């Protein structure tokens, strides 16, 4: 079962990253320096989500180790495009 090992908790990480993106692009009160740190945090959260999702699928038996490495690499590369 996909998402089973961590009980879908990785979705919370994803939602935090999405909310942070919204804050970054719709905020005119915080300094550029602070927003830059928010952006760095958002990138880390996106990566944390990818790792949590891929590890979850491996531990849940949805992926084998080969798929884990391939999908992890692909998902991380896709983040660079955003």
PDB file of N, CA and C in Angstrom:
ATOM      1  N   UNK A   1       0.822  -1.186   0.000  1.00  0.00           N
ATOM      2  CA  UNK A   1       0.000   0.000   0.000  1.00  0.00           C
ATOM      3  C   UNK A   1       0.865   1.248   0.000  1.00  0.00           C
ATOM      4  N   UNK A   2       0.704   2.054  -1.017  1.00  0.00           N
ATOM      5  CA  UNK A   2       1.451   3.304  -1.082  1.00  0.00           C
ATOM      6  C   UNK A   2       1.046   4.214   0.061  1.00  0.00           C
ATOM      7  N   UNK A   3       2.030   4.804   0.698  1.00  0.00           N
ATOM      8  CA  UNK A   3       1.762   5.736   1.777  1.00  0.00           C
ATOM      9  C   UNK A   3       1.525   5.088   3.111  1.00  0.00           C
ATOM     10  N   UNK A   4       1.577   3.785   3.155  1.00  0.00           N
ATOM     11  CA  UNK A   4       1.218   3.095   4.374  1.00  0.00           C
ATOM     12  C   UNK A   4       2.228   3.169   5.499  1.00  0.00           C
ATOM     13  N   UNK A   5       3.492   3.135   5.187  1.00  0.00           N
ATOM     14  CA  UNK A   5       4.483   3.032   6.252  1.00  0.00           C
ATOM     15  C   UNK A   5       4.476   4.245   7.170  1.00  0.00           C
ATOM     16  N   UNK A   6       4.373   5.424   6.610  1.00  0.00           N
ATOM     17  CA  UNK A   6       4.366   6.650   7.414  1.00  0.00           C
ATOM     18  C   UNK A   6       2.953   7.184   7.615  1.00  0.00           C
ATOM     19  N   UNK A   7       1.968   6.370   7.300  1.00  0.00           N
ATOM     20  CA  UNK A   7       0.561   6.744   7.490  1.00  0.00           C
ATOM     21  C   UNK A   7       0.236   8.063   6.784  1.00  0.00           C
ATOM     22  N   UNK A   8       0.781   8.237   5.600  1.00  0.00           N
ATOM     23  CA  UNK A   8       0.540   9.412   4.747  1.00  0.00           C
ATOM     24  C   UNK A   8       1.043  10.726   5.348  1.00  0.00           C
ATOM     25  N   UNK A   9       1.871  10.659   6.361  1.00  0.00           N
ATOM     26  CA  UNK A   9       2.365  11.873   7.025  1.00  0.00           C
ATOM     27  C   UNK A   9       3.203  12.742   6.095  1.00  0.00           C
ATOM     28  N   UNK A  10       3.805  12.151   5.069  1.00  0.00           N
ATOM     29  CA  UNK A  10       4.594  12.953   4.141  1.00  0.00           C
ATOM     30  C   UNK A  10       3.739  14.017   3.451  1.00  0.00           C
ATOM     31  N   UNK A  11       2.456  13.793   3.384  1.00  0.00           N
ATOM     32  CA  UNK A  11       1.555  14.788   2.807  1.00  0.00           C
ATOM     33  C   UNK A  11       1.559  16.098   3.575  1.00  0.00           C
ATOM     34  N   UNK A  12       1.777  16.028   4.890  1.00  0.00           N
ATOM     35  CA  UNK A  12       1.870  17.245   5.691  1.00  0.00           C
ATOM     36  C   UNK A  12       3.077  18.078   5.273  1.00  0.00           C
ATOM     37  N   UNK A  13       4.178  17.406   5.008  1.00  0.00           N
ATOM     38  CA  UNK A  13       5.386  18.115   4.559  1.00  0.00           C
ATOM     39  C   UNK A  13       5.100  18.815   3.241  1.00  0.00           C
ATOM     40  N   UNK A  14       4.424  18.119   2.346  1.00  0.00           N
ATOM     41  CA  UNK A  14       4.090  18.679   1.037  1.00  0.00           C
ATOM     42  C   UNK A  14       3.193  19.904   1.183  1.00  0.00           C
ATOM     43  N   UNK A  15       2.201  19.819   2.052  1.00  0.00           N
ATOM     44  CA  UNK A  15       1.293  20.948   2.256  1.00  0.00           C
ATOM     45  C   UNK A  15       2.007  22.151   2.866  1.00  0.00           C
ATOM     46  N   UNK A  16       2.940  21.903   3.777  1.00  0.00           N
ATOM     47  CA  UNK A  16       3.718  23.002   4.357  1.00  0.00           C
ATOM     48  C   UNK A  16       4.531  23.691   3.270  1.00  0.00           C
ATOM     49  N   UNK A  17       5.175  22.921   2.412  1.00  0.00           N
ATOM     50  CA  UNK A  17       5.964  23.500   1.317  1.00  0.00           C
ATOM     51  C   UNK A  17       5.082  24.326   0.394  1.00  0.00           C
ATOM     52  N   UNK A  18       3.897  23.824   0.076  1.00  0.00           N
ATOM     53  CA  UNK A  18       2.970  24.567  -0.788  1.00  0.00           C
ATOM     54  C   UNK A  18       2.517  25.869  -0.130  1.00  0.00           C
ATOM     55  N   UNK A  19       2.186  25.797   1.163  1.00  0.00           N
ATOM     56  CA  UNK A  19       1.755  26.990   1.884  1.00  0.00           C
ATOM     57  C   UNK A  19       2.878  28.011   1.962  1.00  0.00           C
ATOM     58  N   UNK A  20       4.085  27.538   2.177  1.00  0.00           N
ATOM     59  CA  UNK A  20       5.231  28.438   2.245  1.00  0.00           C
ATOM     60  C   UNK A  20       5.448  29.132   0.905  1.00  0.00           C
ATOM     61  N   UNK A  21       5.267  28.407  -0.187  1.00  0.00           N
ATOM     62  CA  UNK A  21       5.382  29.022  -1.511  1.00  0.00           C
ATOM     63  C   UNK A  21       4.367  30.144  -1.667  1.00  0.00           C
ATOM     64  N   UNK A  22       3.151  29.911  -1.216  1.00  0.00           N
ATOM     65  CA  UNK A  22       2.107  30.935  -1.272  1.00  0.00           C
ATOM     66  C   UNK A  22       2.517  32.166  -0.462  1.00  0.00           C
ATOM     67  N   UNK A  23       3.049  31.942   0.734  1.00  0.00           N
ATOM     68  CA  UNK A  23       3.491  33.044   1.592  1.00  0.00           C
ATOM     69  C   UNK A  23       4.591  33.847   0.902  1.00  0.00           C
ATOM     70  N   UNK A  24       5.527  33.152   0.284  1.00  0.00           N
ATOM     71  CA  UNK A  24       6.658  33.817  -0.382  1.00  0.00           C
ATOM     72  C   UNK A  24       6.177  34.742  -1.496  1.00  0.00           C
ATOM     73  N   UNK A  25       5.259  34.261  -2.307  1.00  0.00           N
ATOM     74  CA  UNK A  25       4.842  35.023  -3.483  1.00  0.00           C
ATOM     75  C   UNK A  25       3.734  36.034  -3.196  1.00  0.00           C
ATOM     76  N   UNK A  26       3.130  35.972  -2.039  1.00  0.00           N
ATOM     77  CA  UNK A  26       2.038  36.894  -1.723  1.00  0.00           C
ATOM     78  C   UNK A  26       2.316  37.666  -0.441  1.00  0.00           C
ATOM     79  N   UNK A  27       3.582  38.019  -0.222  1.00  0.00           N
ATOM     80  CA  UNK A  27       3.945  38.706   1.002  1.00  0.00           C
ATOM     81  C   UNK A  27       4.708  39.969   0.662  1.00  0.00           C
ATOM     82  N   UNK A  28       4.229  41.080   1.171  1.00  0.00           N
ATOM     83  CA  UNK A  28       4.938  42.344   0.957  1.00  0.00           C
ATOM     84  C   UNK A  28       5.350  42.981   2.278  1.00  0.00           C
ATOM     85  N   UNK A  29       5.275  42.212   3.346  1.00  0.00           N
ATOM     86  CA  UNK A  29       5.620  42.744   4.665  1.00  0.00           C
ATOM     87  C   UNK A  29       7.001  42.300   5.132  1.00  0.00           C
ATOM     88  N   UNK A  30       7.435  41.136   4.700  1.00  0.00           N
ATOM     89  CA  UNK A  30       8.725  40.609   5.147  1.00  0.00           C
ATOM     90  C   UNK A  30       9.841  41.078   4.220  1.00  0.00           C
ATOM     91  N   UNK A  31      11.037  41.146   4.776  1.00  0.00           N
ATOM     92  CA  UNK A  31      12.190  41.606   3.997  1.00  0.00           C
ATOM     93  C   UNK A  31      12.582  40.567   2.947  1.00  0.00           C
ATOM     94  N   UNK A  32      13.321  41.033   1.960  1.00  0.00           N
ATOM     95  CA  UNK A  32      13.830  40.143   0.912  1.00  0.00           C
ATOM     96  C   UNK A  32      14.733  39.073   1.519  1.00  0.00           C
ATOM     97  N   UNK A  33      15.496  39.457   2.540  1.00  0.00           N
ATOM     98  CA  UNK A  33      16.392  38.497   3.208  1.00  0.00           C
ATOM     99  C   UNK A  33      15.577  37.380   3.877  1.00  0.00           C
ATOM    100  N   UNK A  34      14.503  37.744   4.533  1.00  0.00           N
ATOM    101  CA  UNK A  34      13.654  36.754   5.195  1.00  0.00           C
ATOM    102  C   UNK A  34      12.973  35.862   4.170  1.00  0.00           C
ATOM    103  N   UNK A  35      12.463  36.464   3.110  1.00  0.00           N
ATOM    104  CA  UNK A  35      11.801  35.674   2.071  1.00  0.00           C
ATOM    105  C   UNK A  35      12.775  34.727   1.371  1.00  0.00           C
ATOM    106  N   UNK A  36      14.028  35.144   1.244  1.00  0.00           N
ATOM    107  CA  UNK A  36      15.051  34.260   0.670  1.00  0.00           C
ATOM    108  C   UNK A  36      15.254  33.042   1.558  1.00  0.00           C
ATOM    109  N   UNK A  37      15.251  33.252   2.863  1.00  0.00           N
ATOM    110  CA  UNK A  37      15.376  32.116   3.788  1.00  0.00           C
ATOM    111  C   UNK A  37      14.140  31.225   3.726  1.00  0.00           C
ATOM    112  N   UNK A  38      12.970  31.829   3.563  1.00  0.00           N
ATOM    113  CA  UNK A  38      11.747  31.040   3.387  1.00  0.00           C
ATOM    114  C   UNK A  38      11.872  30.167   2.150  1.00  0.00           C
ATOM    115  N   UNK A  39      12.410  30.729   1.064  1.00  0.00           N
ATOM    116  CA  UNK A  39      12.570  29.971  -0.182  1.00  0.00           C
ATOM    117  C   UNK A  39      13.537  28.810   0.030  1.00  0.00           C
ATOM    118  N   UNK A  40      14.613  29.043   0.743  1.00  0.00           N
ATOM    119  CA  UNK A  40      15.550  27.961   1.063  1.00  0.00           C
ATOM    120  C   UNK A  40      14.841  26.880   1.867  1.00  0.00           C
ATOM    121  N   UNK A  41      14.066  27.293   2.845  1.00  0.00           N
ATOM    122  CA  UNK A  41      13.304  26.334   3.640  1.00  0.00           C
ATOM    123  C   UNK A  41      12.315  25.558   2.799  1.00  0.00           C
ATOM    124  N   UNK A  42      11.679  26.234   1.868  1.00  0.00           N
ATOM    125  CA  UNK A  42      10.716  25.563   0.997  1.00  0.00           C
ATOM    126  C   UNK A  42      11.400  24.495   0.153  1.00  0.00           C
ATOM    127  N   UNK A  43      12.577  24.783  -0.342  1.00  0.00           N
ATOM    128  CA  UNK A  43      13.331  23.807  -1.132  1.00  0.00           C
ATOM    129  C   UNK A  43      13.668  22.585  -0.273  1.00  0.00           C
ATOM    130  N   UNK A  44      14.103  22.824   0.956  1.00  0.00           N
ATOM    131  CA  UNK A  44      14.397  21.704   1.855  1.00  0.00           C
ATOM    132  C   UNK A  44      13.145  20.879   2.144  1.00  0.00           C
ATOM    133  N   UNK A  45      12.021  21.547   2.332  1.00  0.00           N
ATOM    134  CA  UNK A  45      10.761  20.835   2.585  1.00  0.00           C
ATOM    135  C   UNK A  45      10.348  20.001   1.372  1.00  0.00           C
ATOM    136  N   UNK A  46      10.527  20.558   0.182  1.00  0.00           N
ATOM    137  CA  UNK A  46      10.209  19.787  -1.028  1.00  0.00           C
ATOM    138  C   UNK A  46      11.077  18.542  -1.109  1.00  0.00           C
ATOM    139  N   UNK A  47      12.359  18.695  -0.822  1.00  0.00           N
ATOM    140  CA  UNK A  47      13.260  17.539  -0.838  1.00  0.00           C
ATOM    141  C   UNK A  47      12.880  16.540   0.257  1.00  0.00           C
ATOM    142  N   UNK A  48      12.530  17.046   1.436  1.00  0.00           N
ATOM    143  CA  UNK A  48      12.119  16.159   2.533  1.00  0.00           C
ATOM    144  C   UNK A  48      10.885  15.359   2.126  1.00  0.00           C
ATOM    145  N   UNK A  49       9.953  16.003   1.448  1.00  0.00           N
ATOM    146  CA  UNK A  49       8.760  15.292   0.980  1.00  0.00           C
ATOM    147  C   UNK A  49       9.143  14.173   0.004  1.00  0.00           C
ATOM    148  N   UNK A  50      10.001  14.491  -0.947  1.00  0.00           N
ATOM    149  CA  UNK A  50      10.423  13.493  -1.936  1.00  0.00           C
ATOM    150  C   UNK A  50      11.069  12.302  -1.234  1.00  0.00           C
ATOM    151  N   UNK A  51      11.985  12.568  -0.322  1.00  0.00           N
ATOM    152  CA  UNK A  51      12.643  11.477   0.400  1.00  0.00           C
ATOM    153  C   UNK A  51      11.638  10.671   1.209  1.00  0.00           C
ATOM    154  N   UNK A  52      10.751  11.342   1.925  1.00  0.00           N
ATOM    155  CA  UNK A  52       9.751  10.630   2.736  1.00  0.00           C
ATOM    156  C   UNK A  52       8.857   9.766   1.854  1.00  0.00           C
ATOM    157  N   UNK A  53       8.442  10.293   0.719  1.00  0.00           N
ATOM    158  CA  UNK A  53       7.566   9.544  -0.192  1.00  0.00           C
ATOM    159  C   UNK A  53       8.272   8.319  -0.756  1.00  0.00           C
ATOM    160  N   UNK A  54       9.483   8.501  -1.229  1.00  0.00           N
ATOM    161  CA  UNK A  54      10.213   7.393  -1.835  1.00  0.00           C
ATOM    162  C   UNK A  54      10.547   6.322  -0.790  1.00  0.00           C
ATOM    163  N   UNK A  55      10.969   6.749   0.402  1.00  0.00           N
ATOM    164  CA  UNK A  55      11.275   5.789   1.463  1.00  0.00           C
ATOM    165  C   UNK A  55      10.009   5.053   1.874  1.00  0.00           C
ATOM    166  N   UNK A  56       8.914   5.776   1.969  1.00  0.00           N
ATOM    167  CA  UNK A  56       7.639   5.166   2.323  1.00  0.00           C
ATOM    168  C   UNK A  56       7.276   4.057   1.337  1.00  0.00           C
ATOM    169  N   UNK A  57       7.399   4.357   0.061  1.00  0.00           N
ATOM    170  CA  UNK A  57       7.042   3.362  -0.953  1.00  0.00           C
ATOM    171  C   UNK A  57       7.956   2.140  -0.873  1.00  0.00           C
ATOM    172  N   UNK A  58       9.233   2.367  -0.595  1.00  0.00           N
ATOM    173  CA  UNK A  58      10.161   1.239  -0.463  1.00  0.00           C
ATOM    174  C   UNK A  58       9.792   0.384   0.749  1.00  0.00           C
ATOM    175  N   UNK A  59       9.599   1.018   1.892  1.00  0.00           N
ATOM    176  CA  UNK A  59       9.295   0.270   3.108  1.00  0.00           C
ATOM    177  C   UNK A  59       7.918  -0.377   3.073  1.00  0.00           C
ATOM    178  N   UNK A  60       7.017   0.184   2.270  1.00  0.00           N
ATOM    179  CA  UNK A  60       5.669  -0.385   2.141  1.00  0.00           C
ATOM    180  C   UNK A  60       5.607  -1.516   1.122  1.00  0.00           C
ATOM    181  N   UNK A  61       6.712  -1.720   0.403  1.00  0.00           N
ATOM    182  CA  UNK A  61       6.759  -2.789  -0.577  1.00  0.00           C
ATOM    183  C   UNK A  61       6.251  -2.407  -1.960  1.00  0.00           C
ATOM    184  N   UNK A  62       5.967  -1.119  -2.167  1.00  0.00           N
ATOM    185  CA  UNK A  62       5.504  -0.673  -3.478  1.00  0.00           C
ATOM    186  C   UNK A  62       6.646  -0.546  -4.477  1.00  0.00           C
ATOM    187  N   UNK A  63       7.838  -0.289  -3.988  1.00  0.00           N
ATOM    188  CA  UNK A  63       9.036  -0.197  -4.823  1.00  0.00           C
ATOM    189  C   UNK A  63      10.100  -1.120  -4.265  1.00  0.00           C
ATOM    190  N   UNK A  64      10.940  -1.615  -5.162  1.00  0.00           N
ATOM    191  CA  UNK A  64      12.144  -2.306  -4.748  1.00  0.00           C
ATOM    192  C   UNK A  64      13.273  -1.297  -4.662  1.00  0.00           C
ATOM    193  N   UNK A  65      14.446  -1.763  -4.287  1.00  0.00           N
ATOM    194  CA  UNK A  65      15.576  -0.840  -4.145  1.00  0.00           C
ATOM    195  C   UNK A  65      15.959  -0.185  -5.463  1.00  0.00           C
ATOM    196  N   UNK A  66      15.906  -0.927  -6.574  1.00  0.00           N
ATOM    197  CA  UNK A  66      16.233  -0.326  -7.865  1.00  0.00           C
ATOM    198  C   UNK A  66      15.270   0.807  -8.192  1.00  0.00           C
ATOM    199  N   UNK A  67      13.966   0.544  -8.047  1.00  0.00           N
ATOM    200  CA  UNK A  67      12.970   1.591  -8.309  1.00  0.00           C
ATOM    201  C   UNK A  67      13.147   2.761  -7.360  1.00  0.00           C
ATOM    202  N   UNK A  68      13.455   2.465  -6.111  1.00  0.00           N
ATOM    203  CA  UNK A  68      13.665   3.525  -5.117  1.00  0.00           C
ATOM    204  C   UNK A  68      14.724   4.499  -5.612  1.00  0.00           C
ATOM    205  N   UNK A  69      15.868   3.988  -6.021  1.00  0.00           N
ATOM    206  CA  UNK A  69      16.968   4.854  -6.455  1.00  0.00           C
ATOM    207  C   UNK A  69      16.618   5.603  -7.729  1.00  0.00           C
ATOM    208  N   UNK A  70      15.991   4.918  -8.675  1.00  0.00           N
ATOM    209  CA  UNK A  70      15.614   5.559  -9.937  1.00  0.00           C
ATOM    210  C   UNK A  70      14.585   6.663  -9.713  1.00  0.00           C
ATOM    211  N   UNK A  71      13.547   6.356  -8.949  1.00  0.00           N
ATOM    212  CA  UNK A  71      12.480   7.327  -8.724  1.00  0.00           C
ATOM    213  C   UNK A  71      12.950   8.485  -7.850  1.00  0.00           C
ATOM    214  N   UNK A  72      13.792   8.198  -6.868  1.00  0.00           N
ATOM    215  CA  UNK A  72      14.335   9.261  -6.034  1.00  0.00           C
ATOM    216  C   UNK A  72      15.131  10.246  -6.890  1.00  0.00           C
ATOM    217  N   UNK A  73      15.993   9.717  -7.717  1.00  0.00           N
ATOM    218  CA  UNK A  73      16.802  10.569  -8.602  1.00  0.00           C
ATOM    219  C   UNK A  73      15.905  11.391  -9.514  1.00  0.00           C
ATOM    220  N   UNK A  74      14.912  10.770 -10.122  1.00  0.00           N
ATOM    221  CA  UNK A  74      14.013  11.475 -11.038  1.00  0.00           C
ATOM    222  C   UNK A  74      13.207  12.546 -10.314  1.00  0.00           C
ATOM    223  N   UNK A  75      12.673  12.206  -9.155  1.00  0.00           N
ATOM    224  CA  UNK A  75      11.875  13.189  -8.400  1.00  0.00           C
ATOM    225  C   UNK A  75      12.718  14.394  -7.976  1.00  0.00           C
ATOM    226  N   UNK A  76      13.955  14.153  -7.561  1.00  0.00           N
ATOM    227  CA  UNK A  76      14.831  15.254  -7.173  1.00  0.00           C
ATOM    228  C   UNK A  76      15.212  16.101  -8.382  1.00  0.00           C
ATOM    229  N   UNK A  77      15.422  15.480  -9.517  1.00  0.00           N
ATOM    230  CA  UNK A  77      15.714  16.235 -10.742  1.00  0.00           C
ATOM    231  C   UNK A  77      14.514  17.080 -11.152  1.00  0.00           C
ATOM    232  N   UNK A  78      13.317  16.560 -10.978  1.00  0.00           N
ATOM    233  CA  UNK A  78      12.111  17.310 -11.315  1.00  0.00           C
ATOM    234  C   UNK A  78      11.962  18.555 -10.446  1.00  0.00           C
ATOM    235  N   UNK A  79      12.443  18.508  -9.217  1.00  0.00           N
ATOM    236  CA  UNK A  79      12.393  19.689  -8.354  1.00  0.00           C
ATOM    237  C   UNK A  79      13.216  20.824  -8.916  1.00  0.00           C
ATOM    238  N   UNK A  80      14.306  20.506  -9.567  1.00  0.00           N
ATOM    239  CA  UNK A  80      15.184  21.542 -10.133  1.00  0.00           C
ATOM    240  C   UNK A  80      14.495  22.309 -11.253  1.00  0.00           C
ATOM    241  N   UNK A  81      13.495  21.703 -11.872  1.00  0.00           N
ATOM    242  CA  UNK A  81      12.781  22.339 -12.976  1.00  0.00           C
ATOM    243  C   UNK A  81      11.766  23.360 -12.486  1.00  0.00           C
ATOM    244  N   UNK A  82      11.374  23.271 -11.240  1.00  0.00           N
ATOM    245  CA  UNK A  82      10.312  24.145 -10.728  1.00  0.00           C
ATOM    246  C   UNK A  82      10.846  25.523 -10.415  1.00  0.00           C
TER     247      UNK A  82
END
